[in-house]
Amino acid sequence: MAYVINEKCINELDGSCVDVCPVDCIYEGLTKRYINPNECIECAACLTECPVSAIVAPKDITDPIWRDDNAAFFALPLPGRDEALGDPGGSMGLGSVGVDTFLVISLADE
């Protein structure tokens, strides 16, 4: 199980976590970042860098909603797209995806 980013990251795209990730597995949506569960090596480098404490270690996940949301960002087609993002192999070459999951969109509208 990989690290996950929860709702505290919505509208907080600082990028400190991305800078320290040795495998480049943290991707940027429109208003939130997401950790690819297939690319994360659980090194914990990102954990202390997050300025809003939005990153949760696998052992500390008490609510699976954000684990599922992070996985959905990669496994399901995002709004306005026909195919899932999948495992691009790193966020640097991809840049901002420009869209969030349905859950994050619904919370951002509140």
C-alpha atoms as a PDB file:
ATOM      1  CA  MET A   1       0.000   0.000   0.000  1.00  0.00           C
ATOM      2  CA  ALA A   2       1.362   3.433  -0.950  1.00  0.00           C
ATOM      3  CA  TYR A   3       1.281   6.801   0.754  1.00  0.00           C
ATOM      4  CA  VAL A   4      -1.814   8.875  -0.041  1.00  0.00           C
ATOM      5  CA  ILE A   5      -2.679  12.554  -0.213  1.00  0.00           C
ATOM      6  CA  ASN A   6      -5.890  13.628   1.483  1.00  0.00           C
ATOM      7  CA  GLU A   7      -8.255  16.615   1.293  1.00  0.00           C
ATOM      8  CA  LYS A   8      -5.807  18.960   3.031  1.00  0.00           C
ATOM      9  CA  CYS A   9      -4.014  19.225  -0.317  1.00  0.00           C
ATOM     10  CA  ILE A  10      -6.988  20.710  -2.172  1.00  0.00           C
ATOM     11  CA  ASN A  11      -5.908  24.181  -3.354  1.00  0.00           C
ATOM     12  CA  GLU A  12      -2.405  23.630  -1.925  1.00  0.00           C
ATOM     13  CA  LEU A  13       0.005  22.879  -4.755  1.00  0.00           C
ATOM     14  CA  ASP A  14       3.236  23.835  -2.956  1.00  0.00           C
ATOM     15  CA  GLY A  15       5.317  21.157  -4.657  1.00  0.00           C
ATOM     16  CA  SER A  16       7.792  20.436  -1.844  1.00  0.00           C
ATOM     17  CA  CYS A  17       6.682  16.809  -1.840  1.00  0.00           C
ATOM     18  CA  VAL A  18       7.352  16.493  -5.565  1.00  0.00           C
ATOM     19  CA  ASP A  19      10.846  17.947  -5.220  1.00  0.00           C
ATOM     20  CA  VAL A  20      11.945  15.268  -2.728  1.00  0.00           C
ATOM     21  CA  CYS A  21      10.262  12.235  -4.292  1.00  0.00           C
ATOM     22  CA  PRO A  22      13.057   9.982  -5.614  1.00  0.00           C
ATOM     23  CA  VAL A  23      10.762   8.115  -8.028  1.00  0.00           C
ATOM     24  CA  ASP A  24       8.690  11.064  -9.303  1.00  0.00           C
ATOM     25  CA  CYS A  25       5.359   9.435  -8.377  1.00  0.00           C
ATOM     26  CA  ILE A  26       3.446  12.534  -7.210  1.00  0.00           C
ATOM     27  CA  TYR A  27       1.227  13.949  -9.944  1.00  0.00           C
ATOM     28  CA  GLU A  28      -0.580  17.278 -10.164  1.00  0.00           C
ATOM     29  CA  GLY A  29      -4.275  17.534 -10.909  1.00  0.00           C
ATOM     30  CA  LEU A  30      -6.065  20.866 -11.201  1.00  0.00           C
ATOM     31  CA  THR A  31      -6.290  21.672  -7.477  1.00  0.00           C
ATOM     32  CA  LYS A  32      -4.682  18.670  -5.725  1.00  0.00           C
ATOM     33  CA  ARG A  33      -1.752  16.269  -6.013  1.00  0.00           C
ATOM     34  CA  TYR A  34      -2.017  12.461  -6.173  1.00  0.00           C
ATOM     35  CA  ILE A  35       0.459   9.668  -5.409  1.00  0.00           C
ATOM     36  CA  ASN A  36       0.544   6.838  -7.925  1.00  0.00           C
ATOM     37  CA  PRO A  37       0.156   3.666  -5.824  1.00  0.00           C
ATOM     38  CA  ASN A  38       1.992   1.561  -8.411  1.00  0.00           C
ATOM     39  CA  GLU A  39       5.007   3.879  -8.555  1.00  0.00           C
ATOM     40  CA  CYS A  40       5.367   4.833  -4.857  1.00  0.00           C
ATOM     41  CA  ILE A  41       8.220   3.004  -3.100  1.00  0.00           C
ATOM     42  CA  GLU A  42       7.042   4.042   0.388  1.00  0.00           C
ATOM     43  CA  CYS A  43      10.296   5.839   1.205  1.00  0.00           C
ATOM     44  CA  ALA A  44       8.514   8.548   3.273  1.00  0.00           C
ATOM     45  CA  ALA A  45      10.586  11.377   1.786  1.00  0.00           C
ATOM     46  CA  CYS A  46       7.408  13.326   0.983  1.00  0.00           C
ATOM     47  CA  LEU A  47       5.822  12.895   4.394  1.00  0.00           C
ATOM     48  CA  THR A  48       7.725  15.592   6.270  1.00  0.00           C
ATOM     49  CA  GLU A  49       7.903  17.988   3.315  1.00  0.00           C
ATOM     50  CA  CYS A  50       4.172  18.608   2.985  1.00  0.00           C
ATOM     51  CA  PRO A  51       3.389  22.080   4.390  1.00  0.00           C
ATOM     52  CA  VAL A  52      -0.224  21.121   5.232  1.00  0.00           C
ATOM     53  CA  SER A  53       0.306  17.549   6.518  1.00  0.00           C
ATOM     54  CA  ALA A  54      -1.816  16.123   3.704  1.00  0.00           C
ATOM     55  CA  ILE A  55       0.306  13.013   3.118  1.00  0.00           C
ATOM     56  CA  VAL A  56      -0.604   9.909   5.083  1.00  0.00           C
ATOM     57  CA  ALA A  57       1.564   6.829   5.613  1.00  0.00           C
ATOM     58  CA  PRO A  58      -0.033   3.482   4.771  1.00  0.00           C
ATOM     59  CA  LYS A  59      -0.080   2.386   8.414  1.00  0.00           C
ATOM     60  CA  ASP A  60      -1.921   5.580   9.396  1.00  0.00           C
ATOM     61  CA  ILE A  61      -4.756   5.383   6.870  1.00  0.00           C
ATOM     62  CA  THR A  62      -7.978   5.182   8.849  1.00  0.00           C
ATOM     63  CA  ASP A  63     -10.390   6.313   6.136  1.00  0.00           C
ATOM     64  CA  PRO A  64      -9.956   4.508   2.798  1.00  0.00           C
ATOM     65  CA  ILE A  65     -11.698   7.294   0.856  1.00  0.00           C
ATOM     66  CA  TRP A  66      -8.419   9.089   0.061  1.00  0.00           C
ATOM     67  CA  ARG A  67      -6.539   5.862  -0.682  1.00  0.00           C
ATOM     68  CA  ASP A  68      -9.285   5.009  -3.162  1.00  0.00           C
ATOM     69  CA  ASP A  69      -9.310   8.545  -4.576  1.00  0.00           C
ATOM     70  CA  ASN A  70      -5.543   8.493  -5.200  1.00  0.00           C
ATOM     71  CA  ALA A  71      -5.885   5.139  -6.977  1.00  0.00           C
ATOM     72  CA  ALA A  72      -8.874   6.376  -9.003  1.00  0.00           C
ATOM     73  CA  PHE A  73      -6.832   9.300 -10.370  1.00  0.00           C
ATOM     74  CA  PHE A  74      -4.729   6.750 -12.250  1.00  0.00           C
ATOM     75  CA  ALA A  75      -7.084   3.794 -12.733  1.00  0.00           C
ATOM     76  CA  LEU A  76     -10.298   5.450 -13.943  1.00  0.00           C
ATOM     77  CA  PRO A  77     -10.912   7.944 -16.746  1.00  0.00           C
ATOM     78  CA  LEU A  78     -10.860  11.449 -15.301  1.00  0.00           C
ATOM     79  CA  PRO A  79     -13.625  13.933 -16.143  1.00  0.00           C
ATOM     80  CA  GLY A  80     -13.463  14.882 -19.816  1.00  0.00           C
ATOM     81  CA  ARG A  81     -11.130  12.016 -20.742  1.00  0.00           C
ATOM     82  CA  ASP A  82     -11.771   8.755 -22.518  1.00  0.00           C
ATOM     83  CA  GLU A  83      -8.962   6.717 -20.980  1.00  0.00           C
ATOM     84  CA  ALA A  84      -7.386   6.296 -17.579  1.00  0.00           C
ATOM     85  CA  LEU A  85      -4.024   7.958 -16.938  1.00  0.00           C
ATOM     86  CA  GLY A  86      -2.488   4.629 -15.933  1.00  0.00           C
ATOM     87  CA  ASP A  87       1.158   4.507 -14.865  1.00  0.00           C
ATOM     88  CA  PRO A  88       3.006   7.189 -16.850  1.00  0.00           C
ATOM     89  CA  GLY A  89       6.320   6.414 -15.155  1.00  0.00           C
ATOM     90  CA  GLY A  90       6.903   9.842 -13.641  1.00  0.00           C
ATOM     91  CA  SER A  91       5.214  13.196 -13.316  1.00  0.00           C
ATOM     92  CA  MET A  92       8.051  15.425 -14.534  1.00  0.00           C
ATOM     93  CA  GLY A  93       7.581  14.604 -18.206  1.00  0.00           C
ATOM     94  CA  LEU A  94       3.807  14.708 -17.913  1.00  0.00           C
ATOM     95  CA  GLY A  95       3.316  18.036 -16.149  1.00  0.00           C
ATOM     96  CA  SER A  96      -0.027  19.073 -14.713  1.00  0.00           C
ATOM     97  CA  VAL A  97      -2.860  16.763 -15.673  1.00  0.00           C
ATOM     98  CA  GLY A  98      -5.228  19.735 -15.325  1.00  0.00           C
ATOM     99  CA  VAL A  99      -8.173  17.821 -13.893  1.00  0.00           C
ATOM    100  CA  ASP A 100      -9.089  16.228 -10.568  1.00  0.00           C
ATOM    101  CA  THR A 101     -11.090  13.189  -9.544  1.00  0.00           C
ATOM    102  CA  PHE A 102     -14.852  13.446  -9.189  1.00  0.00           C
ATOM    103  CA  LEU A 103     -14.481  13.425  -5.387  1.00  0.00           C
ATOM    104  CA  VAL A 104     -12.094  16.372  -5.342  1.00  0.00           C
ATOM    105  CA  ILE A 105     -14.219  18.299  -7.835  1.00  0.00           C
ATOM    106  CA  SER A 106     -17.279  17.800  -5.637  1.00  0.00           C
ATOM    107  CA  LEU A 107     -15.428  19.056  -2.549  1.00  0.00           C
ATOM    108  CA  ALA A 108     -13.877  22.015  -4.357  1.00  0.00           C
ATOM    109  CA  ASP A 109     -17.358  23.172  -5.390  1.00  0.00           C
ATOM    110  CA  GLU A 110     -18.545  23.367  -1.774  1.00  0.00           C
END
